[in-house]
Protein backbone atom coordinates (compact mmCIF):
# COMPACT_ATOMS: atom_id res chain seq x y z
CA UNK A 1 0.00 0.00 0.00
CA UNK A 2 1.37 3.41 -0.91
CA UNK A 3 2.08 6.05 1.73
CA UNK A 4 -0.64 8.31 0.30
CA UNK A 5 -3.17 5.47 0.32
CA UNK A 6 -2.34 4.62 3.93
CA UNK A 7 -2.87 8.19 5.09
CA UNK A 8 -6.06 8.59 3.07
CA UNK A 9 -7.51 5.36 4.44
CA UNK A 10 -6.39 6.24 7.98
CA UNK A 11 -8.06 9.66 7.78
CA UNK A 12 -11.32 8.20 6.51
CA UNK A 13 -11.31 5.46 9.13
CA UNK A 14 -10.54 7.90 11.93
CA UNK A 15 -13.35 10.22 10.81
CA UNK A 16 -15.82 7.35 10.58
CA UNK A 17 -14.93 5.39 13.74
CA UNK A 18 -13.17 7.90 15.97
CA UNK A 19 -10.24 6.97 18.15
CA UNK A 20 -11.56 3.41 18.49
CA UNK A 21 -10.35 2.90 14.94
CA UNK A 22 -6.74 2.88 16.16
CA UNK A 23 -7.34 -0.14 18.40
CA UNK A 24 -9.39 -1.83 15.67
CA UNK A 25 -6.55 -1.41 13.17
CA UNK A 26 -4.05 -2.82 15.67
CA UNK A 27 -6.30 -5.83 16.32
CA UNK A 28 -6.70 -6.37 12.59
CA UNK A 29 -2.90 -6.35 12.21
CA UNK A 30 -2.51 -8.95 14.95
CA UNK A 31 -5.13 -11.21 13.37
CA UNK A 32 -3.54 -10.96 9.94
CA UNK A 33 -0.10 -11.67 11.39
CA UNK A 34 -1.44 -14.84 13.03
CA UNK A 35 -2.79 -15.91 9.64
CA UNK A 36 0.64 -15.41 8.11
CA UNK A 37 -0.42 -12.38 6.08
CA UNK A 38 2.56 -10.25 7.04
CA UNK A 39 2.27 -7.66 4.27
CA UNK A 40 -1.38 -6.95 5.07
CA UNK A 41 -0.54 -6.81 8.78
CA UNK A 42 2.21 -4.29 8.07
CA UNK A 43 -0.27 -2.13 6.16
CA UNK A 44 -2.69 -2.13 9.10
CA UNK A 45 0.10 -1.23 11.52
CA UNK A 46 1.00 1.69 9.28
CA UNK A 47 -2.66 2.75 9.18
CA UNK A 48 -2.84 2.62 12.98
CA UNK A 49 0.36 4.68 13.27
CA UNK A 50 -0.94 7.25 10.80
CA UNK A 51 -4.15 7.61 12.85
CA UNK A 52 -2.09 8.12 16.02
CA UNK A 53 -0.19 10.92 14.32
CA UNK A 54 -3.42 12.51 13.05
CA UNK A 55 -4.92 12.41 16.52
CA UNK A 56 -2.05 14.50 17.82
CA UNK A 57 -0.52 14.65 21.30
CA UNK A 58 -2.53 13.79 24.38
CA UNK A 59 -4.08 16.67 26.27
CA UNK A 60 -3.89 16.69 30.06
């Protein structure tokens, strides 16, 4: 998956599902990794990381 595609998908997912989308993407990556689908798992980890960056720093 291209960098632009990852960020576009991450933005759409974050808008649609909120911050829960980050955990969902991480869970999806774990499941794919267990199935031996390492490339797909890597894509989902990148999507989760992109969403974390979009969310910004934590506020206290």
